[in-house]
PDB file of N, CA and C in Angstrom:
ATOM      1  N   MET A   1      92.231  88.880  86.083  1.00  0.00           N
ATOM      2  CA  MET A   1      92.615  87.495  86.227  1.00  0.00           C
ATOM      3  C   MET A   1      91.348  86.652  86.294  1.00  0.00           C
ATOM      4  N   PHE A   2      91.311  85.588  85.540  1.00  0.00           N
ATOM      5  CA  PHE A   2      90.218  84.624  85.652  1.00  0.00           C
ATOM      6  C   PHE A   2      90.537  83.645  86.771  1.00  0.00           C
ATOM      7  N   ILE A   3      89.540  83.303  87.557  1.00  0.00           N
ATOM      8  CA  ILE A   3      89.693  82.294  88.602  1.00  0.00           C
ATOM      9  C   ILE A   3      89.472  80.926  87.953  1.00  0.00           C
ATOM     10  N   LEU A   4      90.568  80.229  87.750  1.00  0.00           N
ATOM     11  CA  LEU A   4      90.552  78.912  87.116  1.00  0.00           C
ATOM     12  C   LEU A   4      90.465  77.818  88.178  1.00  0.00           C
ATOM     13  N   PRO A   5      90.251  76.566  87.770  1.00  0.00           N
ATOM     14  CA  PRO A   5      90.162  75.482  88.765  1.00  0.00           C
ATOM     15  C   PRO A   5      91.373  75.421  89.705  1.00  0.00           C
ATOM     16  N   GLN A   6      92.561  75.700  89.193  1.00  0.00           N
ATOM     17  CA  GLN A   6      93.755  75.641  90.050  1.00  0.00           C
ATOM     18  C   GLN A   6      93.825  76.795  91.053  1.00  0.00           C
ATOM     19  N   HIS A   7      92.971  77.789  90.908  1.00  0.00           N
ATOM     20  CA  HIS A   7      92.906  78.915  91.851  1.00  0.00           C
ATOM     21  C   HIS A   7      91.756  78.757  92.840  1.00  0.00           C
ATOM     22  N   SER A   8      91.042  77.650  92.760  1.00  0.00           N
ATOM     23  CA  SER A   8      89.792  77.482  93.510  1.00  0.00           C
ATOM     24  C   SER A   8      89.926  76.489  94.652  1.00  0.00           C
ATOM     25  N   ASP A   9      89.054  76.668  95.656  1.00  0.00           N
ATOM     26  CA  ASP A   9      88.998  75.721  96.763  1.00  0.00           C
ATOM     27  C   ASP A   9      88.000  74.609  96.445  1.00  0.00           C
ATOM     28  N   ALA A  10      87.773  73.716  97.389  1.00  0.00           N
ATOM     29  CA  ALA A  10      86.886  72.570  97.172  1.00  0.00           C
ATOM     30  C   ALA A  10      85.438  72.979  96.933  1.00  0.00           C
ATOM     31  N   GLU A  11      85.062  74.168  97.385  1.00  0.00           N
ATOM     32  CA  GLU A  11      83.682  74.638  97.193  1.00  0.00           C
ATOM     33  C   GLU A  11      83.485  75.360  95.864  1.00  0.00           C
ATOM     34  N   GLY A  12      84.573  75.553  95.103  1.00  0.00           N
ATOM     35  CA  GLY A  12      84.451  76.202  93.800  1.00  0.00           C
ATOM     36  C   GLY A  12      84.591  77.714  93.839  1.00  0.00           C
ATOM     37  N   PHE A  13      85.190  78.232  94.903  1.00  0.00           N
ATOM     38  CA  PHE A  13      85.436  79.664  95.015  1.00  0.00           C
ATOM     39  C   PHE A  13      86.936  79.934  95.002  1.00  0.00           C
ATOM     40  N   ALA A  14      87.293  81.184  94.689  1.00  0.00           N
ATOM     41  CA  ALA A  14      88.705  81.566  94.671  1.00  0.00           C
ATOM     42  C   ALA A  14      89.340  81.255  96.019  1.00  0.00           C
ATOM     43  N   GLU A  15      90.483  80.586  95.991  1.00  0.00           N
ATOM     44  CA  GLU A  15      91.242  80.297  97.204  1.00  0.00           C
ATOM     45  C   GLU A  15      91.734  81.620  97.783  1.00  0.00           C
ATOM     46  N   ARG A  16      91.518  81.833  99.068  1.00  0.00           N
ATOM     47  CA  ARG A  16      91.897  83.090  99.683  1.00  0.00           C
ATOM     48  C   ARG A  16      93.392  83.340  99.642  1.00  0.00           C
ATOM     49  N   GLY A  17      94.194  82.290  99.634  1.00  0.00           N
ATOM     50  CA  GLY A  17      95.644  82.448  99.507  1.00  0.00           C
ATOM     51  C   GLY A  17      96.035  83.019  98.150  1.00  0.00           C
ATOM     52  N   VAL A  18      95.297  82.660  97.112  1.00  0.00           N
ATOM     53  CA  VAL A  18      95.544  83.209  95.774  1.00  0.00           C
ATOM     54  C   VAL A  18      95.245  84.702  95.769  1.00  0.00           C
ATOM     55  N   LEU A  19      94.125  85.095  96.378  1.00  0.00           N
ATOM     56  CA  LEU A  19      93.761  86.510  96.435  1.00  0.00           C
ATOM     57  C   LEU A  19      94.778  87.301  97.259  1.00  0.00           C
ATOM     58  N   ALA A  20      95.233  86.721  98.357  1.00  0.00           N
ATOM     59  CA  ALA A  20      96.234  87.396  99.199  1.00  0.00           C
ATOM     60  C   ALA A  20      97.538  87.594  98.435  1.00  0.00           C
ATOM     61  N   THR A  21      97.970  86.564  97.718  1.00  0.00           N
ATOM     62  CA  THR A  21      99.207  86.666  96.932  1.00  0.00           C
ATOM     63  C   THR A  21      99.071  87.716  95.845  1.00  0.00           C
ATOM     64  N   LEU A  22      97.926  87.733  95.174  1.00  0.00           N
ATOM     65  CA  LEU A  22      97.697  88.719  94.126  1.00  0.00           C
ATOM     66  C   LEU A  22      97.750  90.139  94.696  1.00  0.00           C
ATOM     67  N   ALA A  23      97.097  90.365  95.826  1.00  0.00           N
ATOM     68  CA  ALA A  23      97.105  91.697  96.442  1.00  0.00           C
ATOM     69  C   ALA A  23      98.524  92.112  96.821  1.00  0.00           C
ATOM     70  N   ASP A  24      99.303  91.199  97.379  1.00  0.00           N
ATOM     71  CA  ASP A  24     100.680  91.497  97.766  1.00  0.00           C
ATOM     72  C   ASP A  24     101.511  91.859  96.538  1.00  0.00           C
ATOM     73  N   MET A  25     101.360  91.097  95.474  1.00  0.00           N
ATOM     74  CA  MET A  25     102.116  91.359  94.244  1.00  0.00           C
ATOM     75  C   MET A  25     101.724  92.693  93.613  1.00  0.00           C
ATOM     76  N   VAL A  26     100.435  92.975  93.542  1.00  0.00           N
ATOM     77  CA  VAL A  26      99.962  94.218  92.920  1.00  0.00           C
ATOM     78  C   VAL A  26     100.416  95.426  93.726  1.00  0.00           C
ATOM     79  N   ALA A  27     100.299  95.364  95.046  1.00  0.00           N
ATOM     80  CA  ALA A  27     100.705  96.492  95.888  1.00  0.00           C
ATOM     81  C   ALA A  27     102.197  96.759  95.743  1.00  0.00           C
ATOM     82  N   GLY A  28     103.011  95.725  95.844  1.00  0.00           N
ATOM     83  CA  GLY A  28     104.456  95.897  95.716  1.00  0.00           C
ATOM     84  C   GLY A  28     104.872  96.363  94.340  1.00  0.00           C
ATOM     85  N   ARG A  29     104.304  95.767  93.329  1.00  0.00           N
ATOM     86  CA  ARG A  29     104.660  96.148  91.952  1.00  0.00           C
ATOM     87  C   ARG A  29     104.234  97.589  91.675  1.00  0.00           C
ATOM     88  N   SER A  30     103.126  98.026  92.237  1.00  0.00           N
ATOM     89  CA  SER A  30     102.685  99.408  92.059  1.00  0.00           C
ATOM     90  C   SER A  30     103.711 100.390  92.613  1.00  0.00           C
ATOM     91  N   LEU A  31     104.308 100.048  93.749  1.00  0.00           N
ATOM     92  CA  LEU A  31     105.353 100.908  94.309  1.00  0.00           C
ATOM     93  C   LEU A  31     106.574 100.967  93.403  1.00  0.00           C
ATOM     94  N   VAL A  32     106.973  99.832  92.858  1.00  0.00           N
ATOM     95  CA  VAL A  32     108.130  99.781  91.957  1.00  0.00           C
ATOM     96  C   VAL A  32     107.866 100.632  90.719  1.00  0.00           C
ATOM     97  N   ILE A  33     106.690 100.511  90.141  1.00  0.00           N
ATOM     98  CA  ILE A  33     106.334 101.303  88.951  1.00  0.00           C
ATOM     99  C   ILE A  33     106.275 102.789  89.303  1.00  0.00           C
ATOM    100  N   ALA A  34     105.697 103.118  90.470  1.00  0.00           N
ATOM    101  CA  ALA A  34     105.584 104.524  90.887  1.00  0.00           C
ATOM    102  C   ALA A  34     106.959 105.165  91.069  1.00  0.00           C
ATOM    103  N   SER A  35     107.962 104.373  91.415  1.00  0.00           N
ATOM    104  CA  SER A  35     109.321 104.906  91.587  1.00  0.00           C
ATOM    105  C   SER A  35     110.091 104.917  90.268  1.00  0.00           C
ATOM    106  N   ASN A  36     109.411 104.632  89.163  1.00  0.00           N
ATOM    107  CA  ASN A  36     110.044 104.545  87.846  1.00  0.00           C
ATOM    108  C   ASN A  36     111.152 103.490  87.852  1.00  0.00           C
ATOM    109  N   PHE A  37     110.912 102.400  88.558  1.00  0.00           N
ATOM    110  CA  PHE A  37     111.806 101.243  88.621  1.00  0.00           C
ATOM    111  C   PHE A  37     113.154 101.550  89.275  1.00  0.00           C
ATOM    112  N   THR A  38     113.224 102.607  90.091  1.00  0.00           N
ATOM    113  CA  THR A  38     114.478 102.928  90.775  1.00  0.00           C
ATOM    114  C   THR A  38     114.524 102.327  92.176  1.00  0.00           C
ATOM    115  N   LEU A  39     113.370 101.898  92.712  1.00  0.00           N
ATOM    116  CA  LEU A  39     113.323 101.310  94.047  1.00  0.00           C
ATOM    117  C   LEU A  39     112.708  99.927  93.999  1.00  0.00           C
ATOM    118  N   GLY A  40     113.232  99.052  94.806  1.00  0.00           N
ATOM    119  CA  GLY A  40     112.610  97.760  95.046  1.00  0.00           C
ATOM    120  C   GLY A  40     111.849  97.853  96.353  1.00  0.00           C
ATOM    121  N   CYS A  41     111.158  96.797  96.719  1.00  0.00           N
ATOM    122  CA  CYS A  41     110.462  96.812  98.002  1.00  0.00           C
ATOM    123  C   CYS A  41     110.215  95.391  98.465  1.00  0.00           C
ATOM    124  N   PHE A  42     109.988  95.250  99.763  1.00  0.00           N
ATOM    125  CA  PHE A  42     109.518  93.982 100.294  1.00  0.00           C
ATOM    126  C   PHE A  42     108.426  94.250 101.314  1.00  0.00           C
ATOM    127  N   THR A  43     107.578  93.263 101.505  1.00  0.00           N
ATOM    128  CA  THR A  43     106.415  93.406 102.372  1.00  0.00           C
ATOM    129  C   THR A  43     106.825  93.300 103.834  1.00  0.00           C
ATOM    130  N   ILE A  44     106.447  94.292 104.618  1.00  0.00           N
ATOM    131  CA  ILE A  44     106.627  94.240 106.068  1.00  0.00           C
ATOM    132  C   ILE A  44     105.398  93.584 106.696  1.00  0.00           C
ATOM    133  N   SER A  45     104.229  94.070 106.301  1.00  0.00           N
ATOM    134  CA  SER A  45     102.978  93.481 106.809  1.00  0.00           C
ATOM    135  C   SER A  45     101.880  93.664 105.771  1.00  0.00           C
ATOM    136  N   LEU A  46     100.904  92.773 105.816  1.00  0.00           N
ATOM    137  CA  LEU A  46      99.768  92.842 104.903  1.00  0.00           C
ATOM    138  C   LEU A  46      98.536  92.393 105.676  1.00  0.00           C
ATOM    139  N   ASN A  47      97.560  93.285 105.796  1.00  0.00           N
ATOM    140  CA  ASN A  47      96.311  92.984 106.487  1.00  0.00           C
ATOM    141  C   ASN A  47      95.206  92.812 105.455  1.00  0.00           C
ATOM    142  N   LEU A  48      94.441  91.741 105.593  1.00  0.00           N
ATOM    143  CA  LEU A  48      93.446  91.374 104.586  1.00  0.00           C
ATOM    144  C   LEU A  48      92.049  91.307 105.179  1.00  0.00           C
ATOM    145  N   GLU A  49      91.078  91.724 104.379  1.00  0.00           N
ATOM    146  CA  GLU A  49      89.668  91.560 104.720  1.00  0.00           C
ATOM    147  C   GLU A  49      88.968  90.934 103.531  1.00  0.00           C
ATOM    148  N   PHE A  50      88.445  89.729 103.727  1.00  0.00           N
ATOM    149  CA  PHE A  50      87.711  89.027 102.680  1.00  0.00           C
ATOM    150  C   PHE A  50      86.237  89.355 102.845  1.00  0.00           C
ATOM    151  N   LEU A  51      85.667  90.027 101.852  1.00  0.00           N
ATOM    152  CA  LEU A  51      84.305  90.540 101.977  1.00  0.00           C
ATOM    153  C   LEU A  51      83.254  89.686 101.293  1.00  0.00           C
ATOM    154  N   ALA A  52      83.644  88.953 100.246  1.00  0.00           N
ATOM    155  CA  ALA A  52      82.691  88.111  99.510  1.00  0.00           C
ATOM    156  C   ALA A  52      83.470  87.075  98.706  1.00  0.00           C
ATOM    157  N   PRO A  53      82.863  85.925  98.438  1.00  0.00           N
ATOM    158  CA  PRO A  53      83.547  84.906  97.637  1.00  0.00           C
ATOM    159  C   PRO A  53      83.524  85.252  96.150  1.00  0.00           C
ATOM    160  N   VAL A  54      84.472  84.690  95.430  1.00  0.00           N
ATOM    161  CA  VAL A  54      84.527  84.839  93.971  1.00  0.00           C
ATOM    162  C   VAL A  54      84.396  83.444  93.371  1.00  0.00           C
ATOM    163  N   PRO A  55      83.390  83.219  92.514  1.00  0.00           N
ATOM    164  CA  PRO A  55      83.209  81.879  91.954  1.00  0.00           C
ATOM    165  C   PRO A  55      84.277  81.535  90.913  1.00  0.00           C
ATOM    166  N   GLN A  56      84.536  80.253  90.818  1.00  0.00           N
ATOM    167  CA  GLN A  56      85.431  79.770  89.767  1.00  0.00           C
ATOM    168  C   GLN A  56      84.897  80.245  88.426  1.00  0.00           C
ATOM    169  N   GLY A  57      85.788  80.709  87.562  1.00  0.00           N
ATOM    170  CA  GLY A  57      85.398  81.259  86.271  1.00  0.00           C
ATOM    171  C   GLY A  57      85.195  82.759  86.300  1.00  0.00           C
ATOM    172  N   GLY A  58      85.175  83.349  87.507  1.00  0.00           N
ATOM    173  CA  GLY A  58      84.982  84.794  87.640  1.00  0.00           C
ATOM    174  C   GLY A  58      86.222  85.573  87.237  1.00  0.00           C
ATOM    175  N   TRP A  59      86.007  86.783  86.752  1.00  0.00           N
ATOM    176  CA  TRP A  59      87.081  87.699  86.366  1.00  0.00           C
ATOM    177  C   TRP A  59      87.252  88.707  87.494  1.00  0.00           C
ATOM    178  N   ILE A  60      88.473  88.811  88.036  1.00  0.00           N
ATOM    179  CA  ILE A  60      88.729  89.777  89.098  1.00  0.00           C
ATOM    180  C   ILE A  60      89.675  90.858  88.599  1.00  0.00           C
ATOM    181  N   GLU A  61      89.552  92.039  89.200  1.00  0.00           N
ATOM    182  CA  GLU A  61      90.402  93.180  88.867  1.00  0.00           C
ATOM    183  C   GLU A  61      90.973  93.755  90.152  1.00  0.00           C
ATOM    184  N   THR A  62      92.153  94.358  90.039  1.00  0.00           N
ATOM    185  CA  THR A  62      92.794  94.940  91.211  1.00  0.00           C
ATOM    186  C   THR A  62      93.074  96.422  90.996  1.00  0.00           C
ATOM    187  N   THR A  63      93.079  97.146  92.097  1.00  0.00           N
ATOM    188  CA  THR A  63      93.522  98.541  92.102  1.00  0.00           C
ATOM    189  C   THR A  63      94.404  98.727  93.332  1.00  0.00           C
ATOM    190  N   ALA A  64      95.387  99.595  93.197  1.00  0.00           N
ATOM    191  CA  ALA A  64      96.277  99.880  94.326  1.00  0.00           C
ATOM    192  C   ALA A  64      96.449 101.381  94.449  1.00  0.00           C
ATOM    193  N   LYS A  65      96.644 101.830  95.689  1.00  0.00           N
ATOM    194  CA  LYS A  65      96.807 103.264  95.939  1.00  0.00           C
ATOM    195  C   LYS A  65      97.793 103.463  97.086  1.00  0.00           C
ATOM    196  N   LEU A  66      98.799 104.298  96.826  1.00  0.00           N
ATOM    197  CA  LEU A  66      99.734 104.693  97.868  1.00  0.00           C
ATOM    198  C   LEU A  66      99.022 105.694  98.762  1.00  0.00           C
ATOM    199  N   TYR A  67      98.913 105.414 100.056  1.00  0.00           N
ATOM    200  CA  TYR A  67      98.218 106.348 100.936  1.00  0.00           C
ATOM    201  C   TYR A  67      99.098 106.914 102.038  1.00  0.00           C
ATOM    202  N   GLY A  68     100.380 106.622 102.004  1.00  0.00           N
ATOM    203  CA  GLY A  68     101.270 107.216 102.987  1.00  0.00           C
ATOM    204  C   GLY A  68     102.709 106.800 102.775  1.00  0.00           C
ATOM    205  N   GLN A  69     103.604 107.619 103.295  1.00  0.00           N
ATOM    206  CA  GLN A  69     105.042 107.358 103.196  1.00  0.00           C
ATOM    207  C   GLN A  69     105.694 107.915 104.447  1.00  0.00           C
ATOM    208  N   GLN A  70     106.569 107.125 105.044  1.00  0.00           N
ATOM    209  CA  GLN A  70     107.320 107.572 106.212  1.00  0.00           C
ATOM    210  C   GLN A  70     108.747 107.071 106.033  1.00  0.00           C
ATOM    211  N   GLY A  71     109.616 107.971 105.577  1.00  0.00           N
ATOM    212  CA  GLY A  71     110.984 107.556 105.263  1.00  0.00           C
ATOM    213  C   GLY A  71     110.970 106.556 104.123  1.00  0.00           C
ATOM    214  N   ASN A  72     111.583 105.399 104.349  1.00  0.00           N
ATOM    215  CA  ASN A  72     111.609 104.381 103.292  1.00  0.00           C
ATOM    216  C   ASN A  72     110.508 103.333 103.474  1.00  0.00           C
ATOM    217  N   VAL A  73     109.484 103.653 104.248  1.00  0.00           N
ATOM    218  CA  VAL A  73     108.338 102.763 104.431  1.00  0.00           C
ATOM    219  C   VAL A  73     107.115 103.386 103.756  1.00  0.00           C
ATOM    220  N   ALA A  74     106.496 102.601 102.881  1.00  0.00           N
ATOM    221  CA  ALA A  74     105.316 103.062 102.145  1.00  0.00           C
ATOM    222  C   ALA A  74     104.095 102.260 102.584  1.00  0.00           C
ATOM    223  N   PHE A  75     102.930 102.904 102.552  1.00  0.00           N
ATOM    224  CA  PHE A  75     101.668 102.287 102.941  1.00  0.00           C
ATOM    225  C   PHE A  75     100.762 102.248 101.705  1.00  0.00           C
ATOM    226  N   VAL A  76     100.304 101.049 101.365  1.00  0.00           N
ATOM    227  CA  VAL A  76      99.545 100.855 100.130  1.00  0.00           C
ATOM    228  C   VAL A  76      98.248 100.112 100.434  1.00  0.00           C
ATOM    229  N   ALA A  77      97.165 100.556  99.805  1.00  0.00           N
ATOM    230  CA  ALA A  77      95.883  99.861  99.862  1.00  0.00           C
ATOM    231  C   ALA A  77      95.648  99.189  98.517  1.00  0.00           C
ATOM    232  N   CYS A  78      95.118  97.987  98.555  1.00  0.00           N
ATOM    233  CA  CYS A  78      94.816  97.256  97.321  1.00  0.00           C
ATOM    234  C   CYS A  78      93.421  96.650  97.455  1.00  0.00           C
ATOM    235  N   ASP A  79      92.589  96.867  96.457  1.00  0.00           N
ATOM    236  CA  ASP A  79      91.260  96.262  96.410  1.00  0.00           C
ATOM    237  C   ASP A  79      91.207  95.250  95.288  1.00  0.00           C
ATOM    238  N   ILE A  80      90.510  94.161  95.529  1.00  0.00           N
ATOM    239  CA  ILE A  80      90.204  93.187  94.478  1.00  0.00           C
ATOM    240  C   ILE A  80      88.694  93.218  94.285  1.00  0.00           C
ATOM    241  N   SER A  81      88.284  93.375  93.035  1.00  0.00           N
ATOM    242  CA  SER A  81      86.859  93.485  92.710  1.00  0.00           C
ATOM    243  C   SER A  81      86.418  92.360  91.788  1.00  0.00           C
ATOM    244  N   TYR A  82      85.161  91.968  91.951  1.00  0.00           N
ATOM    245  CA  TYR A  82      84.522  90.990  91.077  1.00  0.00           C
ATOM    246  C   TYR A  82      83.135  91.526  90.752  1.00  0.00           C
ATOM    247  N   ASP A  83      82.823  91.564  89.480  1.00  0.00           N
ATOM    248  CA  ASP A  83      81.493  91.991  89.034  1.00  0.00           C
ATOM    249  C   ASP A  83      81.127  93.368  89.591  1.00  0.00           C
ATOM    250  N   GLY A  84      82.136  94.269  89.648  1.00  0.00           N
ATOM    251  CA  GLY A  84      81.905  95.634  90.093  1.00  0.00           C
ATOM    252  C   GLY A  84      81.866  95.844  91.602  1.00  0.00           C
ATOM    253  N   ASN A  85      82.067  94.786  92.368  1.00  0.00           N
ATOM    254  CA  ASN A  85      82.022  94.886  93.824  1.00  0.00           C
ATOM    255  C   ASN A  85      83.369  94.507  94.436  1.00  0.00           C
ATOM    256  N   VAL A  86      83.791  95.247  95.455  1.00  0.00           N
ATOM    257  CA  VAL A  86      85.029  94.918  96.146  1.00  0.00           C
ATOM    258  C   VAL A  86      84.793  93.648  96.963  1.00  0.00           C
ATOM    259  N   VAL A  87      85.634  92.626  96.730  1.00  0.00           N
ATOM    260  CA  VAL A  87      85.497  91.355  97.429  1.00  0.00           C
ATOM    261  C   VAL A  87      86.633  91.124  98.429  1.00  0.00           C
ATOM    262  N   MET A  88      87.709  91.895  98.298  1.00  0.00           N
ATOM    263  CA  MET A  88      88.801  91.807  99.257  1.00  0.00           C
ATOM    264  C   MET A  88      89.514  93.140  99.338  1.00  0.00           C
ATOM    265  N   GLN A  89      89.865  93.541 100.551  1.00  0.00           N
ATOM    266  CA  GLN A  89      90.649  94.753 100.768  1.00  0.00           C
ATOM    267  C   GLN A  89      91.936  94.361 101.477  1.00  0.00           C
ATOM    268  N   ALA A  90      93.038  94.952 101.037  1.00  0.00           N
ATOM    269  CA  ALA A  90      94.332  94.698 101.662  1.00  0.00           C
ATOM    270  C   ALA A  90      94.998  96.032 101.965  1.00  0.00           C
ATOM    271  N   ASN A  91      95.641  96.106 103.108  1.00  0.00           N
ATOM    272  CA  ASN A  91      96.441  97.263 103.479  1.00  0.00           C
ATOM    273  C   ASN A  91      97.812  96.745 103.857  1.00  0.00           C
ATOM    274  N   GLY A  92      98.834  97.290 103.200  1.00  0.00           N
ATOM    275  CA  GLY A  92     100.173  96.787 103.431  1.00  0.00           C
ATOM    276  C   GLY A  92     101.177  97.860 103.764  1.00  0.00           C
ATOM    277  N   LYS A  93     102.229  97.418 104.428  1.00  0.00           N
ATOM    278  CA  LYS A  93     103.371  98.262 104.754  1.00  0.00           C
ATOM    279  C   LYS A  93     104.571  97.639 104.047  1.00  0.00           C
ATOM    280  N   PHE A  94     105.286  98.455 103.253  1.00  0.00           N
ATOM    281  CA  PHE A  94     106.386  97.965 102.422  1.00  0.00           C
ATOM    282  C   PHE A  94     107.644  98.781 102.669  1.00  0.00           C
ATOM    283  N   LYS A  95     108.763  98.113 102.822  1.00  0.00           N
ATOM    284  CA  LYS A  95     110.051  98.796 102.948  1.00  0.00           C
ATOM    285  C   LYS A  95     110.630  98.942 101.552  1.00  0.00           C
ATOM    286  N   GLN A  96     111.017 100.168 101.204  1.00  0.00           N
ATOM    287  CA  GLN A  96     111.593 100.441  99.890  1.00  0.00           C
ATOM    288  C   GLN A  96     113.121 100.559 100.012  1.00  0.00           C
ATOM    289  N   PHE A  97     113.806 100.184  98.932  1.00  0.00           N
ATOM    290  CA  PHE A  97     115.263 100.243  98.914  1.00  0.00           C
ATOM    291  C   PHE A  97     115.738 100.531  97.498  1.00  0.00           C
ATOM    292  N   PRO A  98     116.889 101.206  97.352  1.00  0.00           N
ATOM    293  CA  PRO A  98     117.439 101.475  96.012  1.00  0.00           C
ATOM    294  C   PRO A  98     117.783 100.164  95.320  1.00  0.00           C
ATOM    295  N   HIS A  99     117.429 100.075  94.061  1.00  0.00           N
ATOM    296  CA  HIS A  99     117.698  98.847  93.314  1.00  0.00           C
ATOM    297  C   HIS A  99     117.886  99.188  91.853  1.00  0.00           C
ATOM    298  N   ALA A 100     119.091  99.438  91.433  1.00  0.00           N
ATOM    299  CA  ALA A 100     119.377  99.880  90.060  1.00  0.00           C
ATOM    300  C   ALA A 100     119.117  98.790  89.038  1.00  0.00           C
ATOM    301  N   ASP A 101     119.147  97.527  89.431  1.00  0.00           N
ATOM    302  CA  ASP A 101     119.017  96.426  88.474  1.00  0.00           C
ATOM    303  C   ASP A 101     117.617  95.837  88.413  1.00  0.00           C
ATOM    304  N   LEU A 102     116.606  96.563  88.897  1.00  0.00           N
ATOM    305  CA  LEU A 102     115.261  96.034  88.968  1.00  0.00           C
ATOM    306  C   LEU A 102     114.577  95.913  87.612  1.00  0.00           C
ATOM    307  N   ARG A 103     114.980  96.694  86.645  1.00  0.00           N
ATOM    308  CA  ARG A 103     114.344  96.619  85.330  1.00  0.00           C
ATOM    309  C   ARG A 103     114.609  95.285  84.755  1.00  0.00           C
TER     310      ARG A 103
END
């Protein structure tokens, strides 16, 4: 994702709310894809650590990893990187549920 002016704060860096939303979406969508679209999910909690700013015009990339499961609750880590460096880390807890119409 490119950080465009509408994603930026007054100082010209990525708005932290945009990064938080992206991490939440990537983590949740990763769970849906991992279940082969048979389960939906919603966020129970999301903990964020902002490690460095991302300038407007920067290209960011995300990665997500399932690191635990307890019944219908999944634990996912998501990193956002800019220029090869992790700039935000998110750890989330998601409740999964059967959802046949998710495709």
